[in-house]
Amino acid sequence: MLTVRSDPPGAVVYVNGTEQGITPLDYDFTFYGTLDVEFRHAGLPEDRTGYRTEHVQKKLVIPWYEYFPLDFFSEFLVPWPITDHHSLDVTLTRYPEPSRDAGELVPEEEKQDVAESITALKKLLVHPDDANDGGDADPPPDAAVPNRPVSDSDPTASQTPGTNSSP
């Protein structure tokens, strides 16, 4: 039998991925070996108000009276039942407290710093419409103008659309 306890009590216990109950818990195991034990306590992880999920691997060692040929005598010839007890105690840790008040998500100083950074970035970035001054100036030479594919055999391929080479 494996006795599972947690501090604080009330954690849901999963052994090898299967829910077994709430601490304190007595878990009857069939086989010896390593068990993967997971503790989940109340509280939603999104708001970090509860306890962290803890994972523990518990190794259950075979007692001396379970080895061959002693197991025959311990199971059939001993007049009283022999039970093997193991215990697992885990202290759960809380999520850290938020460093800011719940009402104030971002302090005023940080808001001002971010606003100044955004203003500086806006000065560095110039939108093409703003650089043109809303004017009648010609577009830059590398502006997107649809051209036909250039080929050696087509004499009109180098002309821009809308122009006519014939007089």
N, C-alpha and C. Protein backbone atom coordinates (compact mmCIF):
# COMPACT_ATOMS: atom_id res chain seq x y z
N MET A 1 0.85 -1.16 0.00
CA MET A 1 0.00 0.00 0.00
C MET A 1 0.90 1.23 0.00
N LEU A 2 0.53 2.23 -0.79
CA LEU A 2 1.25 3.50 -0.87
C LEU A 2 0.35 4.58 -0.27
N THR A 3 0.81 5.20 0.79
CA THR A 3 0.08 6.29 1.42
C THR A 3 0.60 7.60 0.83
N VAL A 4 -0.29 8.37 0.22
CA VAL A 4 0.09 9.61 -0.45
C VAL A 4 -0.52 10.78 0.32
N ARG A 5 0.35 11.72 0.71
CA ARG A 5 -0.11 12.91 1.42
C ARG A 5 0.50 14.14 0.77
N SER A 6 -0.22 15.25 0.86
CA SER A 6 0.30 16.52 0.34
C SER A 6 0.05 17.61 1.36
N ASP A 7 0.90 18.62 1.29
CA ASP A 7 0.72 19.79 2.14
C ASP A 7 0.55 20.98 1.21
N PRO A 8 -0.59 21.58 1.09
CA PRO A 8 -1.84 21.34 1.80
C PRO A 8 -2.58 20.13 1.23
N PRO A 9 -3.43 19.51 2.03
CA PRO A 9 -4.21 18.38 1.54
C PRO A 9 -5.27 18.83 0.54
N GLY A 10 -5.80 17.89 -0.18
CA GLY A 10 -6.86 18.19 -1.14
C GLY A 10 -6.40 18.19 -2.58
N ALA A 11 -5.17 17.76 -2.84
CA ALA A 11 -4.67 17.70 -4.21
C ALA A 11 -5.19 16.45 -4.89
N VAL A 12 -5.49 16.56 -6.16
CA VAL A 12 -5.91 15.41 -6.95
C VAL A 12 -4.65 14.65 -7.34
N VAL A 13 -4.65 13.32 -7.13
CA VAL A 13 -3.48 12.49 -7.37
C VAL A 13 -3.70 11.65 -8.62
N TYR A 14 -2.70 11.69 -9.52
CA TYR A 14 -2.68 10.85 -10.71
C TYR A 14 -1.48 9.93 -10.60
N VAL A 15 -1.72 8.63 -10.73
CA VAL A 15 -0.63 7.66 -10.71
C VAL A 15 -0.54 7.05 -12.10
N ASN A 16 0.62 7.23 -12.74
CA ASN A 16 0.84 6.77 -14.11
C ASN A 16 -0.24 7.26 -15.06
N GLY A 17 -0.67 8.51 -14.86
CA GLY A 17 -1.63 9.15 -15.76
C GLY A 17 -3.09 8.87 -15.45
N THR A 18 -3.38 8.06 -14.43
CA THR A 18 -4.76 7.71 -14.09
C THR A 18 -5.12 8.36 -12.75
N GLU A 19 -6.26 9.05 -12.72
CA GLU A 19 -6.69 9.70 -11.49
C GLU A 19 -7.03 8.65 -10.44
N GLN A 20 -6.47 8.84 -9.23
CA GLN A 20 -6.69 7.86 -8.16
C GLN A 20 -7.50 8.42 -7.00
N GLY A 21 -7.56 9.73 -6.84
CA GLY A 21 -8.32 10.31 -5.74
C GLY A 21 -7.70 11.59 -5.26
N ILE A 22 -8.11 11.99 -4.04
CA ILE A 22 -7.67 13.25 -3.45
C ILE A 22 -6.87 12.94 -2.18
N THR A 23 -5.80 13.71 -1.97
CA THR A 23 -4.96 13.47 -0.78
C THR A 23 -5.70 13.88 0.49
N PRO A 24 -5.46 13.17 1.58
CA PRO A 24 -4.63 11.99 1.77
C PRO A 24 -5.27 10.76 1.12
N LEU A 25 -4.42 9.88 0.60
CA LEU A 25 -4.90 8.77 -0.22
C LEU A 25 -4.09 7.52 0.09
N ASP A 26 -4.78 6.38 0.17
CA ASP A 26 -4.12 5.08 0.26
C ASP A 26 -4.29 4.39 -1.09
N TYR A 27 -3.19 4.14 -1.76
CA TYR A 27 -3.19 3.56 -3.10
C TYR A 27 -2.65 2.13 -3.01
N ASP A 28 -3.48 1.18 -3.40
CA ASP A 28 -3.07 -0.22 -3.43
C ASP A 28 -2.40 -0.51 -4.76
N PHE A 29 -1.13 -0.84 -4.72
CA PHE A 29 -0.42 -1.14 -5.95
C PHE A 29 -0.25 -2.64 -6.09
N THR A 30 -0.11 -3.08 -7.33
CA THR A 30 0.03 -4.50 -7.61
C THR A 30 1.47 -4.88 -7.89
N PHE A 31 2.19 -3.99 -8.61
CA PHE A 31 3.55 -4.29 -9.03
C PHE A 31 4.53 -3.29 -8.44
N TYR A 32 5.73 -3.77 -8.20
CA TYR A 32 6.81 -2.90 -7.74
C TYR A 32 7.46 -2.26 -8.95
N GLY A 33 8.17 -1.18 -8.71
CA GLY A 33 8.83 -0.46 -9.79
C GLY A 33 8.72 1.03 -9.54
N THR A 34 8.82 1.81 -10.60
CA THR A 34 8.76 3.26 -10.48
C THR A 34 7.37 3.75 -10.90
N LEU A 35 6.76 4.54 -10.02
CA LEU A 35 5.45 5.13 -10.30
C LEU A 35 5.63 6.61 -10.60
N ASP A 36 4.91 7.10 -11.59
CA ASP A 36 4.89 8.53 -11.90
C ASP A 36 3.66 9.11 -11.22
N VAL A 37 3.89 9.92 -10.19
CA VAL A 37 2.80 10.47 -9.39
C VAL A 37 2.72 11.98 -9.66
N GLU A 38 1.51 12.44 -9.97
CA GLU A 38 1.28 13.86 -10.26
C GLU A 38 0.27 14.41 -9.27
N PHE A 39 0.56 15.60 -8.76
CA PHE A 39 -0.33 16.27 -7.80
C PHE A 39 -0.85 17.55 -8.44
N ARG A 40 -2.17 17.69 -8.50
CA ARG A 40 -2.79 18.92 -9.00
C ARG A 40 -3.71 19.46 -7.92
N HIS A 41 -3.49 20.71 -7.55
CA HIS A 41 -4.29 21.31 -6.49
C HIS A 41 -5.24 22.33 -7.09
N ALA A 42 -6.23 22.74 -6.29
CA ALA A 42 -7.23 23.71 -6.73
C ALA A 42 -6.57 25.02 -7.12
N GLY A 43 -7.24 25.76 -7.98
CA GLY A 43 -6.72 27.03 -8.46
C GLY A 43 -6.47 26.92 -9.95
N LEU A 44 -6.81 27.96 -10.66
CA LEU A 44 -6.64 27.92 -12.10
C LEU A 44 -5.25 28.38 -12.49
N PRO A 45 -4.56 27.63 -13.35
CA PRO A 45 -3.22 28.04 -13.72
C PRO A 45 -3.18 29.34 -14.52
N GLU A 46 -4.29 29.72 -15.16
CA GLU A 46 -4.30 30.94 -15.95
C GLU A 46 -4.11 32.18 -15.08
N ASP A 47 -4.76 32.18 -13.91
CA ASP A 47 -4.64 33.35 -13.05
C ASP A 47 -3.62 33.15 -11.93
N ARG A 48 -3.00 31.99 -11.89
CA ARG A 48 -1.91 31.72 -10.95
C ARG A 48 -2.30 31.95 -9.49
N THR A 49 -3.52 31.52 -9.13
CA THR A 49 -3.95 31.71 -7.75
C THR A 49 -3.77 30.44 -6.93
N GLY A 50 -3.52 29.34 -7.55
CA GLY A 50 -3.44 28.08 -6.83
C GLY A 50 -2.01 27.62 -6.62
N TYR A 51 -1.84 26.31 -6.65
CA TYR A 51 -0.54 25.69 -6.43
C TYR A 51 -0.02 25.10 -7.73
N ARG A 52 1.28 25.01 -7.80
CA ARG A 52 1.91 24.42 -8.98
C ARG A 52 1.64 22.92 -9.02
N THR A 53 1.54 22.37 -10.23
CA THR A 53 1.42 20.93 -10.40
C THR A 53 2.79 20.31 -10.14
N GLU A 54 2.81 19.31 -9.29
CA GLU A 54 4.08 18.65 -8.93
C GLU A 54 4.10 17.24 -9.53
N HIS A 55 5.25 16.87 -10.08
CA HIS A 55 5.47 15.53 -10.62
C HIS A 55 6.56 14.87 -9.78
N VAL A 56 6.27 13.66 -9.32
CA VAL A 56 7.23 12.92 -8.49
C VAL A 56 7.30 11.50 -9.02
N GLN A 57 8.50 10.96 -9.08
CA GLN A 57 8.66 9.55 -9.41
C GLN A 57 9.02 8.81 -8.13
N LYS A 58 8.18 7.86 -7.78
CA LYS A 58 8.37 7.09 -6.54
C LYS A 58 8.78 5.68 -6.91
N LYS A 59 9.95 5.27 -6.40
CA LYS A 59 10.43 3.93 -6.66
C LYS A 59 9.99 3.01 -5.53
N LEU A 60 9.27 1.98 -5.89
CA LEU A 60 8.82 0.99 -4.92
C LEU A 60 9.76 -0.21 -5.01
N VAL A 61 10.51 -0.45 -3.95
CA VAL A 61 11.51 -1.52 -3.93
C VAL A 61 10.89 -2.80 -3.38
N ILE A 62 11.23 -3.90 -4.01
CA ILE A 62 10.71 -5.20 -3.58
C ILE A 62 11.33 -5.56 -2.22
N PRO A 63 10.49 -5.88 -1.24
CA PRO A 63 11.04 -6.27 0.07
C PRO A 63 11.69 -7.66 0.01
N TRP A 64 12.52 -7.95 0.97
CA TRP A 64 13.29 -9.20 0.96
C TRP A 64 12.40 -10.43 0.94
N TYR A 65 11.23 -10.38 1.58
CA TYR A 65 10.38 -11.56 1.69
C TYR A 65 9.58 -11.82 0.41
N GLU A 66 9.75 -10.99 -0.61
CA GLU A 66 9.07 -11.20 -1.89
C GLU A 66 9.97 -11.85 -2.94
N TYR A 67 11.23 -12.09 -2.63
CA TYR A 67 12.15 -12.75 -3.55
C TYR A 67 11.96 -14.27 -3.50
N PHE A 68 12.18 -14.92 -4.64
CA PHE A 68 12.10 -16.36 -4.73
C PHE A 68 13.27 -16.97 -3.97
N PRO A 69 13.13 -17.97 -3.23
CA PRO A 69 12.00 -18.82 -2.87
C PRO A 69 11.31 -18.36 -1.58
N LEU A 70 11.78 -17.23 -1.00
CA LEU A 70 11.19 -16.77 0.25
C LEU A 70 9.73 -16.36 0.09
N ASP A 71 9.36 -15.94 -1.12
CA ASP A 71 7.98 -15.52 -1.33
C ASP A 71 6.98 -16.65 -1.09
N PHE A 72 7.38 -17.89 -1.36
CA PHE A 72 6.49 -19.03 -1.10
C PHE A 72 6.16 -19.10 0.38
N PHE A 73 7.16 -18.98 1.22
CA PHE A 73 6.95 -19.08 2.66
C PHE A 73 6.17 -17.87 3.19
N SER A 74 6.49 -16.67 2.68
CA SER A 74 5.82 -15.47 3.20
C SER A 74 4.36 -15.40 2.76
N GLU A 75 4.04 -16.00 1.64
CA GLU A 75 2.65 -15.92 1.16
C GLU A 75 1.79 -17.09 1.64
N PHE A 76 2.37 -18.27 1.79
CA PHE A 76 1.54 -19.45 2.08
C PHE A 76 1.74 -20.04 3.47
N LEU A 77 2.89 -19.87 4.07
CA LEU A 77 3.13 -20.54 5.33
C LEU A 77 3.08 -19.63 6.55
N VAL A 78 3.20 -18.33 6.35
CA VAL A 78 3.10 -17.41 7.48
C VAL A 78 1.62 -17.26 7.83
N PRO A 79 1.25 -17.45 9.09
CA PRO A 79 -0.18 -17.45 9.44
C PRO A 79 -0.83 -16.07 9.46
N TRP A 80 -0.11 -14.99 9.38
CA TRP A 80 -0.70 -13.65 9.40
C TRP A 80 -0.42 -12.96 8.06
N PRO A 81 -1.24 -12.00 7.68
CA PRO A 81 -1.00 -11.30 6.40
C PRO A 81 0.18 -10.33 6.52
N ILE A 82 0.99 -10.30 5.51
CA ILE A 82 2.11 -9.37 5.48
C ILE A 82 1.77 -8.30 4.46
N THR A 83 1.82 -7.06 4.91
CA THR A 83 1.55 -5.95 3.99
C THR A 83 2.78 -5.05 3.91
N ASP A 84 3.02 -4.55 2.73
CA ASP A 84 4.17 -3.68 2.47
C ASP A 84 3.66 -2.25 2.39
N HIS A 85 4.12 -1.38 3.29
CA HIS A 85 3.66 0.01 3.33
C HIS A 85 4.77 0.94 2.83
N HIS A 86 4.38 1.83 1.94
CA HIS A 86 5.27 2.89 1.46
C HIS A 86 4.53 4.21 1.65
N SER A 87 5.27 5.29 1.79
CA SER A 87 4.60 6.59 1.93
C SER A 87 5.27 7.60 1.01
N LEU A 88 4.48 8.57 0.60
CA LEU A 88 4.95 9.65 -0.26
C LEU A 88 4.33 10.94 0.25
N ASP A 89 5.18 11.86 0.70
CA ASP A 89 4.74 13.16 1.20
C ASP A 89 5.31 14.24 0.30
N VAL A 90 4.44 15.14 -0.17
CA VAL A 90 4.85 16.20 -1.09
C VAL A 90 4.31 17.53 -0.57
N THR A 91 5.17 18.54 -0.58
CA THR A 91 4.75 19.90 -0.24
C THR A 91 4.56 20.67 -1.54
N LEU A 92 3.35 21.15 -1.75
CA LEU A 92 3.04 21.90 -2.97
C LEU A 92 3.45 23.35 -2.79
N THR A 93 3.92 23.96 -3.86
CA THR A 93 4.33 25.37 -3.81
C THR A 93 3.30 26.23 -4.52
N ARG A 94 3.07 27.40 -3.95
CA ARG A 94 2.13 28.35 -4.54
C ARG A 94 2.76 29.05 -5.73
N TYR A 95 1.90 29.50 -6.63
CA TYR A 95 2.38 30.39 -7.68
C TYR A 95 2.79 31.70 -7.02
N PRO A 96 3.81 32.38 -7.53
CA PRO A 96 4.22 33.64 -6.91
C PRO A 96 3.12 34.68 -7.02
N GLU A 97 3.08 35.54 -6.02
CA GLU A 97 2.09 36.62 -6.02
C GLU A 97 2.40 37.60 -7.13
N PRO A 98 1.37 38.15 -7.78
CA PRO A 98 1.63 39.16 -8.81
C PRO A 98 2.33 40.37 -8.20
N SER A 99 3.24 40.97 -8.95
CA SER A 99 4.02 42.09 -8.42
C SER A 99 3.26 43.41 -8.51
N ARG A 100 2.19 43.46 -9.24
CA ARG A 100 1.43 44.71 -9.41
C ARG A 100 0.05 44.55 -8.78
N ASP A 101 -0.56 45.69 -8.49
CA ASP A 101 -1.93 45.67 -7.99
C ASP A 101 -2.84 45.13 -9.07
N ALA A 102 -3.92 44.47 -8.65
CA ALA A 102 -4.84 43.89 -9.63
C ALA A 102 -5.51 44.97 -10.46
N GLY A 103 -5.73 46.16 -9.89
CA GLY A 103 -6.40 47.22 -10.62
C GLY A 103 -5.51 47.93 -11.62
N GLU A 104 -4.19 47.92 -11.40
CA GLU A 104 -3.28 48.62 -12.28
C GLU A 104 -2.43 47.60 -13.03
N LEU A 105 -2.75 47.39 -14.29
CA LEU A 105 -2.04 46.40 -15.08
C LEU A 105 -0.64 46.87 -15.45
N VAL A 106 -0.52 48.14 -15.86
CA VAL A 106 0.78 48.69 -16.25
C VAL A 106 0.97 50.01 -15.51
N PRO A 107 2.09 50.18 -14.82
CA PRO A 107 2.32 51.44 -14.12
C PRO A 107 2.41 52.61 -15.10
N GLU A 108 2.12 53.80 -14.62
CA GLU A 108 2.08 55.00 -15.46
C GLU A 108 3.44 55.30 -16.08
N GLU A 109 4.53 55.04 -15.35
CA GLU A 109 5.87 55.30 -15.92
C GLU A 109 6.13 54.43 -17.14
N GLU A 110 5.71 53.17 -17.06
CA GLU A 110 5.91 52.27 -18.20
C GLU A 110 5.06 52.70 -19.39
N LYS A 111 3.86 53.21 -19.11
CA LYS A 111 3.00 53.69 -20.21
C LYS A 111 3.67 54.85 -20.93
N GLN A 112 4.27 55.78 -20.16
CA GLN A 112 4.94 56.93 -20.78
C GLN A 112 6.15 56.48 -21.58
N ASP A 113 6.92 55.53 -21.07
CA ASP A 113 8.08 55.03 -21.80
C ASP A 113 7.67 54.39 -23.12
N VAL A 114 6.60 53.63 -23.08
CA VAL A 114 6.12 52.99 -24.31
C VAL A 114 5.63 54.03 -25.29
N ALA A 115 4.91 55.04 -24.81
CA ALA A 115 4.41 56.10 -25.69
C ALA A 115 5.57 56.85 -26.35
N GLU A 116 6.63 57.13 -25.59
CA GLU A 116 7.79 57.82 -26.16
C GLU A 116 8.49 56.94 -27.21
N SER A 117 8.57 55.66 -26.96
CA SER A 117 9.19 54.74 -27.91
C SER A 117 8.39 54.68 -29.20
N ILE A 118 7.08 54.67 -29.08
CA ILE A 118 6.22 54.62 -30.28
C ILE A 118 6.37 55.91 -31.07
N THR A 119 6.42 57.04 -30.41
CA THR A 119 6.59 58.33 -31.09
C THR A 119 7.92 58.36 -31.83
N ALA A 120 8.99 57.87 -31.21
CA ALA A 120 10.30 57.84 -31.87
C ALA A 120 10.28 56.93 -33.08
N LEU A 121 9.60 55.80 -32.99
CA LEU A 121 9.51 54.90 -34.14
C LEU A 121 8.70 55.50 -35.27
N LYS A 122 7.65 56.24 -34.93
CA LYS A 122 6.83 56.88 -35.98
C LYS A 122 7.65 57.90 -36.75
N LYS A 123 8.56 58.59 -36.07
CA LYS A 123 9.40 59.57 -36.75
C LYS A 123 10.35 58.89 -37.73
N LEU A 124 10.78 57.68 -37.38
CA LEU A 124 11.70 56.95 -38.25
C LEU A 124 10.99 56.37 -39.47
N LEU A 125 9.76 55.99 -39.29
CA LEU A 125 9.01 55.39 -40.38
C LEU A 125 8.23 56.47 -41.12
N VAL A 126 8.37 56.51 -42.43
CA VAL A 126 7.66 57.50 -43.23
C VAL A 126 6.77 56.76 -44.20
N HIS A 127 5.51 57.06 -44.17
CA HIS A 127 4.56 56.43 -45.08
C HIS A 127 4.72 57.07 -46.46
N PRO A 128 4.63 56.32 -47.56
CA PRO A 128 4.80 56.89 -48.90
C PRO A 128 3.84 58.03 -49.21
N ASP A 129 2.63 57.98 -48.72
CA ASP A 129 1.66 59.05 -48.99
C ASP A 129 2.08 60.33 -48.27
N ASP A 130 2.67 60.21 -47.08
CA ASP A 130 3.12 61.38 -46.34
C ASP A 130 4.33 62.02 -47.01
N ALA A 131 5.22 61.24 -47.58
CA ALA A 131 6.42 61.76 -48.23
C ALA A 131 6.08 62.49 -49.52
N ASN A 132 4.96 62.17 -50.14
CA ASN A 132 4.55 62.75 -51.41
C ASN A 132 3.93 64.13 -51.20
N ASP A 133 3.62 64.49 -49.98
CA ASP A 133 2.97 65.76 -49.62
C ASP A 133 1.66 65.95 -50.36
N GLY A 134 0.98 64.86 -50.67
CA GLY A 134 -0.33 64.93 -51.32
C GLY A 134 -0.26 65.60 -52.68
N GLY A 135 0.92 65.60 -53.24
CA GLY A 135 1.13 66.46 -54.40
C GLY A 135 0.96 65.79 -55.73
N ASP A 136 1.34 66.64 -56.70
CA ASP A 136 1.21 66.23 -58.07
C ASP A 136 2.55 65.74 -58.61
N ALA A 137 3.48 65.46 -57.72
CA ALA A 137 4.80 65.02 -58.16
C ALA A 137 4.71 63.65 -58.79
N ASP A 138 5.70 63.37 -59.62
CA ASP A 138 5.75 62.07 -60.29
C ASP A 138 6.08 60.99 -59.26
N PRO A 139 5.58 59.79 -59.47
CA PRO A 139 5.93 58.71 -58.56
C PRO A 139 7.41 58.37 -58.69
N PRO A 140 7.99 57.78 -57.70
CA PRO A 140 9.40 57.41 -57.79
C PRO A 140 9.64 56.46 -58.96
N PRO A 141 10.86 56.44 -59.50
CA PRO A 141 11.10 55.63 -60.70
C PRO A 141 10.91 54.14 -60.47
N ASP A 142 11.07 53.66 -59.26
CA ASP A 142 10.91 52.23 -59.03
C ASP A 142 9.50 51.90 -58.55
N ALA A 143 8.55 52.79 -58.77
CA ALA A 143 7.18 52.53 -58.35
C ALA A 143 6.62 51.38 -59.16
N ALA A 144 5.64 50.72 -58.60
CA ALA A 144 5.07 49.55 -59.25
C ALA A 144 4.24 49.97 -60.45
N VAL A 145 4.77 49.70 -61.63
CA VAL A 145 4.07 49.95 -62.87
C VAL A 145 4.04 48.64 -63.62
N PRO A 146 2.86 48.18 -64.02
CA PRO A 146 2.81 46.89 -64.70
C PRO A 146 3.52 46.96 -66.05
N ASN A 147 4.46 46.09 -66.26
CA ASN A 147 5.19 45.99 -67.52
C ASN A 147 4.95 44.62 -68.13
N ARG A 148 5.07 44.59 -69.44
CA ARG A 148 4.99 43.30 -70.11
C ARG A 148 6.35 42.64 -70.01
N PRO A 149 6.41 41.33 -70.13
CA PRO A 149 7.70 40.67 -70.10
C PRO A 149 8.58 41.12 -71.25
N VAL A 150 9.86 41.26 -71.00
CA VAL A 150 10.80 41.72 -72.00
C VAL A 150 11.31 40.52 -72.78
N SER A 151 11.30 40.67 -74.10
CA SER A 151 11.87 39.63 -74.93
C SER A 151 12.65 40.28 -76.05
N ASP A 152 13.63 39.57 -76.60
CA ASP A 152 14.48 40.12 -77.65
C ASP A 152 13.72 40.30 -78.96
N SER A 153 12.72 39.49 -79.23
CA SER A 153 12.04 39.54 -80.51
C SER A 153 10.93 40.58 -80.56
N ASP A 154 10.53 41.12 -79.41
CA ASP A 154 9.43 42.08 -79.37
C ASP A 154 10.00 43.49 -79.24
N PRO A 155 9.93 44.32 -80.31
CA PRO A 155 10.51 45.66 -80.22
C PRO A 155 9.73 46.59 -79.30
N THR A 156 8.47 46.33 -79.03
CA THR A 156 7.68 47.21 -78.17
C THR A 156 7.73 46.78 -76.72
N ALA A 157 8.52 45.77 -76.39
CA ALA A 157 8.54 45.24 -75.03
C ALA A 157 9.14 46.22 -74.04
N SER A 158 10.03 47.09 -74.49
CA SER A 158 10.67 48.02 -73.56
C SER A 158 9.82 49.25 -73.30
N GLN A 159 8.73 49.40 -74.04
CA GLN A 159 7.86 50.56 -73.81
C GLN A 159 6.97 50.31 -72.61
N THR A 160 6.64 51.38 -71.97
CA THR A 160 5.70 51.28 -70.85
C THR A 160 4.31 51.26 -71.39
N PRO A 161 3.37 50.65 -70.68
CA PRO A 161 1.99 50.59 -71.18
C PRO A 161 1.41 52.00 -71.33
N GLY A 162 0.62 52.17 -72.31
CA GLY A 162 -0.04 53.45 -72.55
C GLY A 162 0.74 54.36 -73.50
N THR A 163 1.93 53.98 -73.90
CA THR A 163 2.70 54.78 -74.86
C THR A 163 2.67 54.08 -76.20
N ASN A 164 2.78 54.86 -77.22
CA ASN A 164 2.70 54.31 -78.56
C ASN A 164 3.95 54.74 -79.30
N SER A 165 4.66 53.79 -79.90
CA SER A 165 5.90 54.14 -80.60
C SER A 165 5.66 54.61 -82.02
N SER A 166 4.50 54.37 -82.55
CA SER A 166 4.25 54.81 -83.92
C SER A 166 3.79 56.26 -83.93
N PRO A 167 4.20 57.03 -84.98
CA PRO A 167 3.83 58.47 -85.03
C PRO A 167 2.41 58.71 -85.38
